[in-house]
Amino acid sequence: MEVKLQVLVMLAMILSLFSAASATSGLAVYYRPQYYPAACPGFNLRNSGVMVAGVSDALWNGGKACGRMLRVRCTSAANDFPKPCKAGIITVKVVDYCQQPCHGVINLSQDAFARIANLDAGKVWVDYS
């Protein structure tokens, strides 16, 4: 049993390293409620909740991003706001398209942004995968 546990721990560590290595950096901003209706058909508060995001052309891919789950972690300030990041990683569902001029690659719901950064910062650099 102990050997199986050690193998599982090692596997988890390797997977977390791969996840961090394959992350992409980009600018994240947030939008306030109302989150719905969204550009992705069929997504609503009941089946998607408030941990959602809109994405810019960089990720939209003609709507194929709809329903994609993104893991997002705040990495640094995008302006002069001191220490905007909070610890942790969130998972959001892509339910919307951030039309130009979109001020970030990922436009997080206010609820999602508040979990990884101070709302007063307004925008932050994130890693996402």
C-alpha atoms as a PDB file:
ATOM      1  CA  MET A   1       0.000   0.000   0.000  1.00  0.00           C
ATOM      2  CA  GLU A   2       2.829   2.390   0.876  1.00  0.00           C
ATOM      3  CA  VAL A   3       4.493   1.844  -2.511  1.00  0.00           C
ATOM      4  CA  LYS A   4       1.222   2.672  -4.322  1.00  0.00           C
ATOM      5  CA  LEU A   5       0.903   5.888  -2.331  1.00  0.00           C
ATOM      6  CA  GLN A   6       4.466   6.893  -3.202  1.00  0.00           C
ATOM      7  CA  VAL A   7       3.795   6.206  -6.885  1.00  0.00           C
ATOM      8  CA  LEU A   8       0.626   8.299  -6.784  1.00  0.00           C
ATOM      9  CA  VAL A   9       2.443  11.182  -5.074  1.00  0.00           C
ATOM     10  CA  MET A  10       5.236  11.090  -7.657  1.00  0.00           C
ATOM     11  CA  LEU A  11       2.714  10.978 -10.500  1.00  0.00           C
ATOM     12  CA  ALA A  12       0.882  13.986  -9.070  1.00  0.00           C
ATOM     13  CA  MET A  13       4.136  15.909  -8.784  1.00  0.00           C
ATOM     14  CA  ILE A  14       5.105  15.117 -12.373  1.00  0.00           C
ATOM     15  CA  LEU A  15       1.681  16.127 -13.676  1.00  0.00           C
ATOM     16  CA  SER A  16       1.783  19.413 -11.786  1.00  0.00           C
ATOM     17  CA  LEU A  17       5.190  20.205 -13.280  1.00  0.00           C
ATOM     18  CA  PHE A  18       3.901  19.455 -16.782  1.00  0.00           C
ATOM     19  CA  SER A  19       0.868  21.648 -16.174  1.00  0.00           C
ATOM     20  CA  ALA A  20       3.019  24.579 -15.045  1.00  0.00           C
ATOM     21  CA  ALA A  21       5.419  24.125 -17.933  1.00  0.00           C
ATOM     22  CA  SER A  22       2.653  24.151 -20.529  1.00  0.00           C
ATOM     23  CA  ALA A  23       0.981  27.320 -19.237  1.00  0.00           C
ATOM     24  CA  THR A  24       0.621  30.398 -21.427  1.00  0.00           C
ATOM     25  CA  SER A  25       0.952  33.941 -20.117  1.00  0.00           C
ATOM     26  CA  GLY A  26      -1.513  36.705 -20.836  1.00  0.00           C
ATOM     27  CA  LEU A  27      -3.340  39.709 -19.476  1.00  0.00           C
ATOM     28  CA  ALA A  28      -6.522  39.135 -17.480  1.00  0.00           C
ATOM     29  CA  VAL A  29      -9.207  41.705 -16.708  1.00  0.00           C
ATOM     30  CA  TYR A  30     -12.692  41.263 -15.271  1.00  0.00           C
ATOM     31  CA  TYR A  31     -16.253  42.191 -15.973  1.00  0.00           C
ATOM     32  CA  ARG A  32     -19.109  42.737 -13.606  1.00  0.00           C
ATOM     33  CA  PRO A  33     -22.380  40.830 -13.522  1.00  0.00           C
ATOM     34  CA  GLN A  34     -24.542  40.273 -15.545  1.00  0.00           C
ATOM     35  CA  TYR A  35     -22.617  37.348 -17.005  1.00  0.00           C
ATOM     36  CA  TYR A  36     -25.447  35.973 -19.113  1.00  0.00           C
ATOM     37  CA  PRO A  37     -26.585  35.863 -21.856  1.00  0.00           C
ATOM     38  CA  ALA A  38     -23.193  34.938 -23.256  1.00  0.00           C
ATOM     39  CA  ALA A  39     -21.860  34.392 -26.775  1.00  0.00           C
ATOM     40  CA  CYS A  40     -21.689  30.617 -26.288  1.00  0.00           C
ATOM     41  CA  PRO A  41     -25.154  29.143 -26.863  1.00  0.00           C
ATOM     42  CA  GLY A  42     -26.649  27.035 -24.094  1.00  0.00           C
ATOM     43  CA  PHE A  43     -24.503  28.350 -21.259  1.00  0.00           C
ATOM     44  CA  ASN A  44     -26.292  29.928 -18.310  1.00  0.00           C
ATOM     45  CA  LEU A  45     -25.988  30.468 -14.581  1.00  0.00           C
ATOM     46  CA  ARG A  46     -27.529  27.076 -13.805  1.00  0.00           C
ATOM     47  CA  ASN A  47     -25.093  24.998 -15.860  1.00  0.00           C
ATOM     48  CA  SER A  48     -22.012  27.233 -15.740  1.00  0.00           C
ATOM     49  CA  GLY A  49     -22.161  29.286 -12.541  1.00  0.00           C
ATOM     50  CA  VAL A  50     -20.129  32.432 -11.952  1.00  0.00           C
ATOM     51  CA  MET A  51     -16.618  31.030 -12.395  1.00  0.00           C
ATOM     52  CA  VAL A  52     -16.661  31.917 -16.074  1.00  0.00           C
ATOM     53  CA  ALA A  53     -14.667  33.874 -18.630  1.00  0.00           C
ATOM     54  CA  GLY A  54     -14.814  35.489 -21.997  1.00  0.00           C
ATOM     55  CA  VAL A  55     -11.810  35.147 -24.262  1.00  0.00           C
ATOM     56  CA  SER A  56     -10.290  37.350 -26.930  1.00  0.00           C
ATOM     57  CA  ASP A  57      -9.520  36.411 -30.513  1.00  0.00           C
ATOM     58  CA  ALA A  58      -6.295  34.796 -29.261  1.00  0.00           C
ATOM     59  CA  LEU A  59      -8.339  31.933 -27.750  1.00  0.00           C
ATOM     60  CA  TRP A  60     -11.813  32.247 -29.295  1.00  0.00           C
ATOM     61  CA  ASN A  61     -11.058  30.150 -32.404  1.00  0.00           C
ATOM     62  CA  GLY A  62     -14.365  30.902 -34.106  1.00  0.00           C
ATOM     63  CA  GLY A  63     -16.359  29.814 -31.049  1.00  0.00           C
ATOM     64  CA  LYS A  64     -14.563  26.498 -30.532  1.00  0.00           C
ATOM     65  CA  ALA A  65     -13.412  27.785 -27.134  1.00  0.00           C
ATOM     66  CA  CYS A  66     -16.996  27.544 -25.808  1.00  0.00           C
ATOM     67  CA  GLY A  67     -17.094  25.202 -22.832  1.00  0.00           C
ATOM     68  CA  ARG A  68     -13.305  24.977 -22.536  1.00  0.00           C
ATOM     69  CA  MET A  69     -12.070  24.861 -18.963  1.00  0.00           C
ATOM     70  CA  LEU A  70      -9.089  27.103 -18.198  1.00  0.00           C
ATOM     71  CA  ARG A  71      -6.855  26.920 -15.147  1.00  0.00           C
ATOM     72  CA  VAL A  72      -5.746  30.456 -14.294  1.00  0.00           C
ATOM     73  CA  ARG A  73      -3.145  31.731 -11.828  1.00  0.00           C
ATOM     74  CA  CYS A  74      -2.222  35.361 -11.162  1.00  0.00           C
ATOM     75  CA  THR A  75       1.506  35.942 -11.618  1.00  0.00           C
ATOM     76  CA  SER A  76       2.134  39.695 -11.374  1.00  0.00           C
ATOM     77  CA  ALA A  77       0.853  43.236 -11.575  1.00  0.00           C
ATOM     78  CA  ALA A  78      -0.031  44.730 -14.950  1.00  0.00           C
ATOM     79  CA  ASN A  79       0.071  48.278 -13.623  1.00  0.00           C
ATOM     80  CA  ASP A  80       1.385  50.121 -10.558  1.00  0.00           C
ATOM     81  CA  PHE A  81      -0.975  48.357  -8.143  1.00  0.00           C
ATOM     82  CA  PRO A  82       1.155  46.843  -5.347  1.00  0.00           C
ATOM     83  CA  LYS A  83       0.902  43.080  -4.783  1.00  0.00           C
ATOM     84  CA  PRO A  84      -2.362  42.394  -6.638  1.00  0.00           C
ATOM     85  CA  CYS A  85      -2.093  38.594  -6.716  1.00  0.00           C
ATOM     86  CA  LYS A  86      -3.635  36.133  -4.304  1.00  0.00           C
ATOM     87  CA  ALA A  87      -2.343  32.594  -3.933  1.00  0.00           C
ATOM     88  CA  GLY A  88      -4.050  29.775  -5.752  1.00  0.00           C
ATOM     89  CA  ILE A  89      -5.347  28.606  -9.087  1.00  0.00           C
ATOM     90  CA  ILE A  90      -8.917  28.853 -10.321  1.00  0.00           C
ATOM     91  CA  THR A  91     -10.744  26.932 -13.011  1.00  0.00           C
ATOM     92  CA  VAL A  92     -13.137  28.866 -15.218  1.00  0.00           C
ATOM     93  CA  LYS A  93     -15.416  27.856 -18.055  1.00  0.00           C
ATOM     94  CA  VAL A  94     -15.272  29.821 -21.306  1.00  0.00           C
ATOM     95  CA  VAL A  95     -18.799  31.018 -22.012  1.00  0.00           C
ATOM     96  CA  ASP A  96     -18.271  34.304 -23.804  1.00  0.00           C
ATOM     97  CA  TYR A  97     -16.354  36.184 -26.459  1.00  0.00           C
ATOM     98  CA  CYS A  98     -14.534  39.358 -25.515  1.00  0.00           C
ATOM     99  CA  GLN A  99     -15.095  41.632 -28.495  1.00  0.00           C
ATOM    100  CA  GLN A 100     -12.490  44.127 -29.617  1.00  0.00           C
ATOM    101  CA  PRO A 101     -11.290  46.247 -28.044  1.00  0.00           C
ATOM    102  CA  CYS A 102     -10.821  43.490 -25.481  1.00  0.00           C
ATOM    103  CA  HIS A 103      -8.456  44.662 -22.752  1.00  0.00           C
ATOM    104  CA  GLY A 104      -7.066  41.206 -21.994  1.00  0.00           C
ATOM    105  CA  VAL A 105      -6.660  37.726 -23.378  1.00  0.00           C
ATOM    106  CA  ILE A 106      -9.007  36.476 -20.670  1.00  0.00           C
ATOM    107  CA  ASN A 107     -11.926  38.506 -19.385  1.00  0.00           C
ATOM    108  CA  LEU A 108     -12.761  36.825 -16.066  1.00  0.00           C
ATOM    109  CA  SER A 109     -16.024  37.163 -14.234  1.00  0.00           C
ATOM    110  CA  GLN A 110     -15.702  39.458 -11.246  1.00  0.00           C
ATOM    111  CA  ASP A 111     -16.162  36.448  -8.942  1.00  0.00           C
ATOM    112  CA  ALA A 112     -13.318  34.549 -10.620  1.00  0.00           C
ATOM    113  CA  PHE A 113     -10.928  37.533 -10.726  1.00  0.00           C
ATOM    114  CA  ALA A 114     -11.547  38.237  -7.021  1.00  0.00           C
ATOM    115  CA  ARG A 115     -10.324  34.736  -6.120  1.00  0.00           C
ATOM    116  CA  ILE A 116      -6.886  35.262  -7.663  1.00  0.00           C
ATOM    117  CA  ALA A 117      -6.364  39.032  -7.481  1.00  0.00           C
ATOM    118  CA  ASN A 118      -7.447  42.218  -5.785  1.00  0.00           C
ATOM    119  CA  LEU A 119     -10.342  43.756  -7.759  1.00  0.00           C
ATOM    120  CA  ASP A 120      -8.837  47.214  -7.308  1.00  0.00           C
ATOM    121  CA  ALA A 121      -5.889  46.144  -9.478  1.00  0.00           C
ATOM    122  CA  GLY A 122      -8.225  45.960 -12.472  1.00  0.00           C
ATOM    123  CA  LYS A 123      -5.863  43.856 -14.573  1.00  0.00           C
ATOM    124  CA  VAL A 124      -3.108  41.334 -13.886  1.00  0.00           C
ATOM    125  CA  TRP A 125      -0.744  39.030 -15.699  1.00  0.00           C
ATOM    126  CA  VAL A 126      -1.776  35.393 -15.467  1.00  0.00           C
ATOM    127  CA  ASP A 127      -0.643  31.963 -16.547  1.00  0.00           C
ATOM    128  CA  TYR A 128      -3.393  29.821 -18.015  1.00  0.00           C
ATOM    129  CA  SER A 129      -3.719  26.375 -19.473  1.00  0.00           C
END
